C-alpha cells in the first residue's frame, strides 16, 4: 500500500464498505432461510420483506440483478406452493 493519505483513506473506506456489505448479505441470507422454513400465511407475510431486501442487495451491487431475480422467483414459487 502506498503512503499517500488519500490511499490510506480509500483503504479505510473500502474496509467499511466490505464490512457493511457482508452484514447486508448475511442478514438477507438469514431472512431467506427463515422464509423457507415458514409455512402458509407466515410465509406470505414475510415474502415482500425478503424480496425488498434482495432488491436492495442488487441495487447496491452486492449481488447481481439476475441472481436477485432468480432468488425472488424461487422464493415466490415456494411461497405459492405452500398456500
PDB file of N, CA and C in Angstrom:
ATOM      1  N   UNK A   1       0.848  -1.177   0.000  1.00  0.00           N
ATOM      2  CA  UNK A   1       0.000   0.000   0.000  1.00  0.00           C
ATOM      3  C   UNK A   1       0.895   1.243   0.000  1.00  0.00           C
ATOM      4  N   UNK A   2       0.495   2.217  -0.761  1.00  0.00           N
ATOM      5  CA  UNK A   2       1.261   3.463  -0.830  1.00  0.00           C
ATOM      6  C   UNK A   2       1.096   4.260   0.466  1.00  0.00           C
ATOM      7  N   UNK A   3       2.005   5.203   0.656  1.00  0.00           N
ATOM      8  CA  UNK A   3       1.968   6.004   1.873  1.00  0.00           C
ATOM      9  C   UNK A   3       1.223   7.311   1.698  1.00  0.00           C
ATOM     10  N   UNK A   4       0.454   7.436   0.647  1.00  0.00           N
ATOM     11  CA  UNK A   4      -0.322   8.649   0.430  1.00  0.00           C
ATOM     12  C   UNK A   4      -1.541   8.638   1.357  1.00  0.00           C
ATOM     13  N   UNK A   5      -1.882   9.787   1.866  1.00  0.00           N
ATOM     14  CA  UNK A   5      -3.012   9.850   2.798  1.00  0.00           C
ATOM     15  C   UNK A   5      -4.314   9.477   2.097  1.00  0.00           C
ATOM     16  N   UNK A   6      -4.451   9.839   0.821  1.00  0.00           N
ATOM     17  CA  UNK A   6      -5.675   9.504   0.086  1.00  0.00           C
ATOM     18  C   UNK A   6      -5.808   7.995  -0.103  1.00  0.00           C
ATOM     19  N   UNK A   7      -4.687   7.321  -0.311  1.00  0.00           N
ATOM     20  CA  UNK A   7      -4.709   5.868  -0.478  1.00  0.00           C
ATOM     21  C   UNK A   7      -5.086   5.184   0.832  1.00  0.00           C
ATOM     22  N   UNK A   8      -4.563   5.707   1.937  1.00  0.00           N
ATOM     23  CA  UNK A   8      -4.908   5.135   3.241  1.00  0.00           C
ATOM     24  C   UNK A   8      -6.395   5.334   3.538  1.00  0.00           C
ATOM     25  N   UNK A   9      -6.894   6.510   3.206  1.00  0.00           N
ATOM     26  CA  UNK A   9      -8.319   6.792   3.418  1.00  0.00           C
ATOM     27  C   UNK A   9      -9.170   5.856   2.568  1.00  0.00           C
ATOM     28  N   UNK A  10      -8.764   5.641   1.310  1.00  0.00           N
ATOM     29  CA  UNK A  10      -9.511   4.752   0.423  1.00  0.00           C
ATOM     30  C   UNK A  10      -9.542   3.332   0.986  1.00  0.00           C
ATOM     31  N   UNK A  11      -8.436   2.892   1.556  1.00  0.00           N
ATOM     32  CA  UNK A  11      -8.389   1.558   2.156  1.00  0.00           C
ATOM     33  C   UNK A  11      -9.341   1.461   3.347  1.00  0.00           C
ATOM     34  N   UNK A  12      -9.378   2.511   4.171  1.00  0.00           N
ATOM     35  CA  UNK A  12     -10.303   2.520   5.313  1.00  0.00           C
ATOM     36  C   UNK A  12     -11.750   2.469   4.837  1.00  0.00           C
ATOM     37  N   UNK A  13     -12.051   3.260   3.815  1.00  0.00           N
ATOM     38  CA  UNK A  13     -13.424   3.290   3.295  1.00  0.00           C
ATOM     39  C   UNK A  13     -13.815   1.945   2.693  1.00  0.00           C
ATOM     40  N   UNK A  14     -12.889   1.329   1.973  1.00  0.00           N
ATOM     41  CA  UNK A  14     -13.159   0.027   1.366  1.00  0.00           C
ATOM     42  C   UNK A  14     -13.439  -1.020   2.443  1.00  0.00           C
ATOM     43  N   UNK A  15     -12.689  -0.964   3.531  1.00  0.00           N
ATOM     44  CA  UNK A  15     -12.900  -1.912   4.630  1.00  0.00           C
ATOM     45  C   UNK A  15     -14.282  -1.717   5.249  1.00  0.00           C
ATOM     46  N   UNK A  16     -14.688  -0.457   5.423  1.00  0.00           N
ATOM     47  CA  UNK A  16     -16.021  -0.176   5.978  1.00  0.00           C
ATOM     48  C   UNK A  16     -17.120  -0.686   5.054  1.00  0.00           C
ATOM     49  N   UNK A  17     -16.949  -0.428   3.750  1.00  0.00           N
ATOM     50  CA  UNK A  17     -17.954  -0.874   2.782  1.00  0.00           C
ATOM     51  C   UNK A  17     -18.050  -2.392   2.750  1.00  0.00           C
ATOM     52  N   UNK A  18     -16.891  -3.053   2.794  1.00  0.00           N
ATOM     53  CA  UNK A  18     -16.874  -4.516   2.781  1.00  0.00           C
ATOM     54  C   UNK A  18     -17.604  -5.072   3.988  1.00  0.00           C
ATOM     55  N   UNK A  19     -17.341  -4.509   5.147  1.00  0.00           N
ATOM     56  CA  UNK A  19     -17.998  -4.964   6.375  1.00  0.00           C
ATOM     57  C   UNK A  19     -19.503  -4.752   6.302  1.00  0.00           C
ATOM     58  N   UNK A  20     -19.912  -3.590   5.796  1.00  0.00           N
ATOM     59  CA  UNK A  20     -21.329  -3.269   5.666  1.00  0.00           C
ATOM     60  C   UNK A  20     -22.008  -4.219   4.678  1.00  0.00           C
ATOM     61  N   UNK A  21     -21.347  -4.477   3.553  1.00  0.00           N
ATOM     62  CA  UNK A  21     -21.923  -5.367   2.550  1.00  0.00           C
ATOM     63  C   UNK A  21     -22.049  -6.787   3.079  1.00  0.00           C
ATOM     64  N   UNK A  22     -21.071  -7.237   3.862  1.00  0.00           N
ATOM     65  CA  UNK A  22     -21.161  -8.566   4.475  1.00  0.00           C
ATOM     66  C   UNK A  22     -22.362  -8.640   5.406  1.00  0.00           C
ATOM     67  N   UNK A  23     -22.583  -7.575   6.167  1.00  0.00           N
ATOM     68  CA  UNK A  23     -23.721  -7.538   7.092  1.00  0.00           C
ATOM     69  C   UNK A  23     -25.038  -7.635   6.330  1.00  0.00           C
ATOM     70  N   UNK A  24     -25.184  -6.817   5.281  1.00  0.00           N
ATOM     71  CA  UNK A  24     -26.416  -6.847   4.486  1.00  0.00           C
ATOM     72  C   UNK A  24     -26.639  -8.226   3.868  1.00  0.00           C
ATOM     73  N   UNK A  25     -25.592  -8.807   3.333  1.00  0.00           N
ATOM     74  CA  UNK A  25     -25.710 -10.120   2.700  1.00  0.00           C
ATOM     75  C   UNK A  25     -26.100 -11.186   3.693  1.00  0.00           C
ATOM     76  N   UNK A  26     -25.457 -11.184   4.852  1.00  0.00           N
ATOM     77  CA  UNK A  26     -25.740 -12.204   5.861  1.00  0.00           C
ATOM     78  C   UNK A  26     -27.159 -12.046   6.411  1.00  0.00           C
ATOM     79  N   UNK A  27     -27.574 -10.808   6.644  1.00  0.00           N
ATOM     80  CA  UNK A  27     -28.925 -10.559   7.144  1.00  0.00           C
ATOM     81  C   UNK A  27     -29.969 -11.066   6.156  1.00  0.00           C
ATOM     82  N   UNK A  28     -29.732 -10.827   4.875  1.00  0.00           N
ATOM     83  CA  UNK A  28     -30.672 -11.273   3.852  1.00  0.00           C
ATOM     84  C   UNK A  28     -30.675 -12.794   3.745  1.00  0.00           C
ATOM     85  N   UNK A  29     -29.499 -13.416   3.821  1.00  0.00           N
ATOM     86  CA  UNK A  29     -29.441 -14.880   3.767  1.00  0.00           C
ATOM     87  C   UNK A  29     -30.210 -15.491   4.934  1.00  0.00           C
ATOM     88  N   UNK A  30     -30.097 -14.891   6.117  1.00  0.00           N
ATOM     89  CA  UNK A  30     -30.848 -15.387   7.274  1.00  0.00           C
ATOM     90  C   UNK A  30     -32.349 -15.218   7.058  1.00  0.00           C
ATOM     91  N   UNK A  31     -32.753 -14.097   6.460  1.00  0.00           N
ATOM     92  CA  UNK A  31     -34.175 -13.866   6.193  1.00  0.00           C
ATOM     93  C   UNK A  31     -34.699 -14.881   5.181  1.00  0.00           C
ATOM     94  N   UNK A  32     -33.884 -15.202   4.176  1.00  0.00           N
ATOM     95  CA  UNK A  32     -34.282 -16.204   3.178  1.00  0.00           C
ATOM     96  C   UNK A  32     -34.440 -17.567   3.843  1.00  0.00           C
ATOM     97  N   UNK A  33     -33.503 -17.905   4.723  1.00  0.00           N
ATOM     98  CA  UNK A  33     -33.576 -19.176   5.449  1.00  0.00           C
ATOM     99  C   UNK A  33     -34.855 -19.254   6.280  1.00  0.00           C
ATOM    100  N   UNK A  34     -35.191 -18.169   6.971  1.00  0.00           N
ATOM    101  CA  UNK A  34     -36.401 -18.141   7.787  1.00  0.00           C
ATOM    102  C   UNK A  34     -37.657 -18.238   6.925  1.00  0.00           C
ATOM    103  N   UNK A  35     -37.624 -17.595   5.765  1.00  0.00           N
ATOM    104  CA  UNK A  35     -38.776 -17.658   4.856  1.00  0.00           C
ATOM    105  C   UNK A  35     -38.978 -19.078   4.344  1.00  0.00           C
ATOM    106  N   UNK A  36     -37.885 -19.765   4.019  1.00  0.00           N
ATOM    107  CA  UNK A  36     -38.002 -21.145   3.534  1.00  0.00           C
ATOM    108  C   UNK A  36     -38.578 -22.060   4.614  1.00  0.00           C
ATOM    109  N   UNK A  37     -38.282 -21.765   5.870  1.00  0.00           N
ATOM    110  CA  UNK A  37     -38.779 -22.591   6.970  1.00  0.00           C
ATOM    111  C   UNK A  37     -40.228 -22.257   7.326  1.00  0.00           C
ATOM    112  N   UNK A  38     -40.700 -21.083   6.931  1.00  0.00           N
ATOM    113  CA  UNK A  38     -42.049 -20.639   7.290  1.00  0.00           C
ATOM    114  C   UNK A  38     -43.097 -21.400   6.483  1.00  0.00           C
ATOM    115  N   UNK A  39     -44.291 -21.461   7.029  1.00  0.00           N
ATOM    116  CA  UNK A  39     -45.399 -22.166   6.373  1.00  0.00           C
ATOM    117  C   UNK A  39     -46.597 -21.241   6.224  1.00  0.00           C
ATOM    118  N   UNK A  40     -47.356 -21.442   5.163  1.00  0.00           N
ATOM    119  CA  UNK A  40     -48.645 -20.790   4.968  1.00  0.00           C
ATOM    120  C   UNK A  40     -48.648 -19.279   5.034  1.00  0.00           C
ATOM    121  N   UNK A  41     -49.531 -18.750   5.890  1.00  0.00           N
ATOM    122  CA  UNK A  41     -49.748 -17.302   5.991  1.00  0.00           C
ATOM    123  C   UNK A  41     -48.481 -16.569   6.423  1.00  0.00           C
ATOM    124  N   UNK A  42     -47.726 -17.187   7.308  1.00  0.00           N
ATOM    125  CA  UNK A  42     -46.484 -16.568   7.785  1.00  0.00           C
ATOM    126  C   UNK A  42     -45.515 -16.340   6.628  1.00  0.00           C
ATOM    127  N   UNK A  43     -45.404 -17.315   5.740  1.00  0.00           N
ATOM    128  CA  UNK A  43     -44.517 -17.181   4.579  1.00  0.00           C
ATOM    129  C   UNK A  43     -45.013 -16.085   3.643  1.00  0.00           C
ATOM    130  N   UNK A  44     -46.324 -16.012   3.460  1.00  0.00           N
ATOM    131  CA  UNK A  44     -46.897 -14.976   2.595  1.00  0.00           C
ATOM    132  C   UNK A  44     -46.622 -13.582   3.145  1.00  0.00           C
ATOM    133  N   UNK A  45     -46.638 -13.455   4.467  1.00  0.00           N
ATOM    134  CA  UNK A  45     -46.384 -12.155   5.095  1.00  0.00           C
ATOM    135  C   UNK A  45     -44.914 -11.757   5.004  1.00  0.00           C
ATOM    136  N   UNK A  46     -44.028 -12.735   5.097  1.00  0.00           N
ATOM    137  CA  UNK A  46     -42.597 -12.451   5.088  1.00  0.00           C
ATOM    138  C   UNK A  46     -42.051 -12.188   3.686  1.00  0.00           C
ATOM    139  N   UNK A  47     -42.695 -12.744   2.669  1.00  0.00           N
ATOM    140  CA  UNK A  47     -42.130 -12.678   1.321  1.00  0.00           C
ATOM    141  C   UNK A  47     -41.862 -11.256   0.822  1.00  0.00           C
ATOM    142  N   UNK A  48     -42.794 -10.294   0.954  1.00  0.00           N
ATOM    143  CA  UNK A  48     -42.492  -8.939   0.456  1.00  0.00           C
ATOM    144  C   UNK A  48     -41.286  -8.299   1.130  1.00  0.00           C
ATOM    145  N   UNK A  49     -41.103  -8.568   2.414  1.00  0.00           N
ATOM    146  CA  UNK A  49     -39.964  -8.004   3.144  1.00  0.00           C
ATOM    147  C   UNK A  49     -38.656  -8.582   2.608  1.00  0.00           C
ATOM    148  N   UNK A  50     -38.623  -9.900   2.427  1.00  0.00           N
ATOM    149  CA  UNK A  50     -37.417 -10.561   1.933  1.00  0.00           C
ATOM    150  C   UNK A  50     -37.126 -10.142   0.494  1.00  0.00           C
ATOM    151  N   UNK A  51     -38.163 -10.042  -0.324  1.00  0.00           N
ATOM    152  CA  UNK A  51     -37.970  -9.614  -1.714  1.00  0.00           C
ATOM    153  C   UNK A  51     -37.390  -8.204  -1.772  1.00  0.00           C
ATOM    154  N   UNK A  52     -37.834  -7.352  -0.875  1.00  0.00           N
ATOM    155  CA  UNK A  52     -37.307  -5.994  -0.797  1.00  0.00           C
ATOM    156  C   UNK A  52     -35.829  -6.006  -0.415  1.00  0.00           C
ATOM    157  N   UNK A  53     -35.463  -6.853   0.538  1.00  0.00           N
ATOM    158  CA  UNK A  53     -34.056  -6.952   0.939  1.00  0.00           C
ATOM    159  C   UNK A  53     -33.197  -7.425  -0.231  1.00  0.00           C
ATOM    160  N   UNK A  54     -33.702  -8.401  -0.985  1.00  0.00           N
ATOM    161  CA  UNK A  54     -32.958  -8.919  -2.137  1.00  0.00           C
ATOM    162  C   UNK A  54     -32.787  -7.821  -3.183  1.00  0.00           C
ATOM    163  N   UNK A  55     -33.846  -7.045  -3.431  1.00  0.00           N
ATOM    164  CA  UNK A  55     -33.750  -5.937  -4.383  1.00  0.00           C
ATOM    165  C   UNK A  55     -32.702  -4.910  -3.957  1.00  0.00           C
ATOM    166  N   UNK A  56     -32.642  -4.634  -2.669  1.00  0.00           N
ATOM    167  CA  UNK A  56     -31.662  -3.668  -2.164  1.00  0.00           C
ATOM    168  C   UNK A  56     -30.237  -4.175  -2.359  1.00  0.00           C
ATOM    169  N   UNK A  57     -30.030  -5.486  -2.168  1.00  0.00           N
ATOM    170  CA  UNK A  57     -28.698  -6.054  -2.409  1.00  0.00           C
ATOM    171  C   UNK A  57     -28.299  -5.871  -3.865  1.00  0.00           C
ATOM    172  N   UNK A  58     -29.244  -6.104  -4.766  1.00  0.00           N
ATOM    173  CA  UNK A  58     -28.942  -5.955  -6.193  1.00  0.00           C
ATOM    174  C   UNK A  58     -28.682  -4.492  -6.540  1.00  0.00           C
ATOM    175  N   UNK A  59     -29.454  -3.596  -5.953  1.00  0.00           N
ATOM    176  CA  UNK A  59     -29.286  -2.168  -6.227  1.00  0.00           C
ATOM    177  C   UNK A  59     -27.919  -1.684  -5.749  1.00  0.00           C
ATOM    178  N   UNK A  60     -27.467  -2.193  -4.616  1.00  0.00           N
ATOM    179  CA  UNK A  60     -26.175  -1.791  -4.064  1.00  0.00           C
ATOM    180  C   UNK A  60     -25.008  -2.487  -4.747  1.00  0.00           C
ATOM    181  N   UNK A  61     -25.304  -3.482  -5.587  1.00  0.00           N
ATOM    182  CA  UNK A  61     -24.243  -4.192  -6.290  1.00  0.00           C
ATOM    183  C   UNK A  61     -23.609  -5.308  -5.484  1.00  0.00           C
ATOM    184  N   UNK A  62     -24.254  -5.716  -4.406  1.00  0.00           N
ATOM    185  CA  UNK A  62     -23.717  -6.793  -3.581  1.00  0.00           C
ATOM    186  C   UNK A  62     -23.943  -8.132  -4.271  1.00  0.00           C
ATOM    187  N   UNK A  63     -25.103  -8.273  -4.917  1.00  0.00           N
ATOM    188  CA  UNK A  63     -25.361  -9.445  -5.755  1.00  0.00           C
ATOM    189  C   UNK A  63     -25.793  -8.951  -7.129  1.00  0.00           C
ATOM    190  N   UNK A  64     -25.687  -9.830  -8.121  1.00  0.00           N
ATOM    191  CA  UNK A  64     -26.063  -9.478  -9.496  1.00  0.00           C
ATOM    192  C   UNK A  64     -27.579  -9.398  -9.606  1.00  0.00           C
ATOM    193  N   UNK A  65     -28.070  -8.566 -10.505  1.00  0.00           N
ATOM    194  CA  UNK A  65     -29.517  -8.384 -10.640  1.00  0.00           C
ATOM    195  C   UNK A  65     -30.199  -9.671 -11.093  1.00  0.00           C
ATOM    196  N   UNK A  66     -29.524 -10.487 -11.904  1.00  0.00           N
ATOM    197  CA  UNK A  66     -30.133 -11.748 -12.328  1.00  0.00           C
ATOM    198  C   UNK A  66     -30.207 -12.741 -11.171  1.00  0.00           C
ATOM    199  N   UNK A  67     -29.217 -12.736 -10.316  1.00  0.00           N
ATOM    200  CA  UNK A  67     -29.259 -13.601  -9.127  1.00  0.00           C
ATOM    201  C   UNK A  67     -30.417 -13.190  -8.230  1.00  0.00           C
ATOM    202  N   UNK A  68     -30.621 -11.884  -8.104  1.00  0.00           N
ATOM    203  CA  UNK A  68     -31.736 -11.384  -7.300  1.00  0.00           C
ATOM    204  C   UNK A  68     -33.067 -11.859  -7.889  1.00  0.00           C
ATOM    205  N   UNK A  69     -33.184 -11.769  -9.203  1.00  0.00           N
ATOM    206  CA  UNK A  69     -34.421 -12.201  -9.861  1.00  0.00           C
ATOM    207  C   UNK A  69     -34.638 -13.702  -9.671  1.00  0.00           C
ATOM    208  N   UNK A  70     -33.571 -14.483  -9.782  1.00  0.00           N
ATOM    209  CA  UNK A  70     -33.689 -15.929  -9.594  1.00  0.00           C
ATOM    210  C   UNK A  70     -34.084 -16.279  -8.164  1.00  0.00           C
ATOM    211  N   UNK A  71     -33.483 -15.600  -7.196  1.00  0.00           N
ATOM    212  CA  UNK A  71     -33.826 -15.848  -5.790  1.00  0.00           C
ATOM    213  C   UNK A  71     -35.294 -15.536  -5.531  1.00  0.00           C
ATOM    214  N   UNK A  72     -35.743 -14.379  -6.005  1.00  0.00           N
ATOM    215  CA  UNK A  72     -37.136 -13.979  -5.763  1.00  0.00           C
ATOM    216  C   UNK A  72     -38.095 -14.942  -6.447  1.00  0.00           C
ATOM    217  N   UNK A  73     -37.746 -15.391  -7.645  1.00  0.00           N
ATOM    218  CA  UNK A  73     -38.609 -16.315  -8.373  1.00  0.00           C
ATOM    219  C   UNK A  73     -38.750 -17.635  -7.625  1.00  0.00           C
ATOM    220  N   UNK A  74     -37.618 -18.174  -7.163  1.00  0.00           N
ATOM    221  CA  UNK A  74     -37.659 -19.443  -6.424  1.00  0.00           C
ATOM    222  C   UNK A  74     -38.450 -19.311  -5.133  1.00  0.00           C
ATOM    223  N   UNK A  75     -38.243 -18.197  -4.430  1.00  0.00           N
ATOM    224  CA  UNK A  75     -38.974 -17.989  -3.186  1.00  0.00           C
ATOM    225  C   UNK A  75     -40.475 -17.821  -3.434  1.00  0.00           C
ATOM    226  N   UNK A  76     -40.822 -17.113  -4.510  1.00  0.00           N
ATOM    227  CA  UNK A  76     -42.238 -16.914  -4.835  1.00  0.00           C
ATOM    228  C   UNK A  76     -42.899 -18.253  -5.142  1.00  0.00           C
ATOM    229  N   UNK A  77     -42.209 -19.107  -5.884  1.00  0.00           N
ATOM    230  CA  UNK A  77     -42.755 -20.438  -6.189  1.00  0.00           C
ATOM    231  C   UNK A  77     -42.964 -21.229  -4.907  1.00  0.00           C
ATOM    232  N   UNK A  78     -42.012 -21.163  -3.988  1.00  0.00           N
ATOM    233  CA  UNK A  78     -42.110 -21.898  -2.721  1.00  0.00           C
ATOM    234  C   UNK A  78     -43.273 -21.376  -1.879  1.00  0.00           C
ATOM    235  N   UNK A  79     -43.415 -20.050  -1.821  1.00  0.00           N
ATOM    236  CA  UNK A  79     -44.492 -19.445  -1.026  1.00  0.00           C
ATOM    237  C   UNK A  79     -45.854 -19.800  -1.627  1.00  0.00           C
ATOM    238  N   UNK A  80     -45.953 -19.709  -2.955  1.00  0.00           N
ATOM    239  CA  UNK A  80     -47.231 -20.038  -3.616  1.00  0.00           C
ATOM    240  C   UNK A  80     -47.590 -21.502  -3.483  1.00  0.00           C
ATOM    241  N   UNK A  81     -46.596 -22.380  -3.495  1.00  0.00           N
ATOM    242  CA  UNK A  81     -46.865 -23.805  -3.333  1.00  0.00           C
ATOM    243  C   UNK A  81     -47.297 -24.127  -1.909  1.00  0.00           C
ATOM    244  N   UNK A  82     -46.854 -23.327  -0.950  1.00  0.00           N
ATOM    245  CA  UNK A  82     -47.196 -23.571   0.450  1.00  0.00           C
ATOM    246  C   UNK A  82     -48.625 -23.141   0.787  1.00  0.00           C
ATOM    247  N   UNK A  83     -49.250 -22.347  -0.094  1.00  0.00           N
ATOM    248  CA  UNK A  83     -50.614 -21.865   0.187  1.00  0.00           C
ATOM    249  C   UNK A  83     -51.641 -22.973   0.114  1.00  0.00           C
TER     250      UNK A  83
END
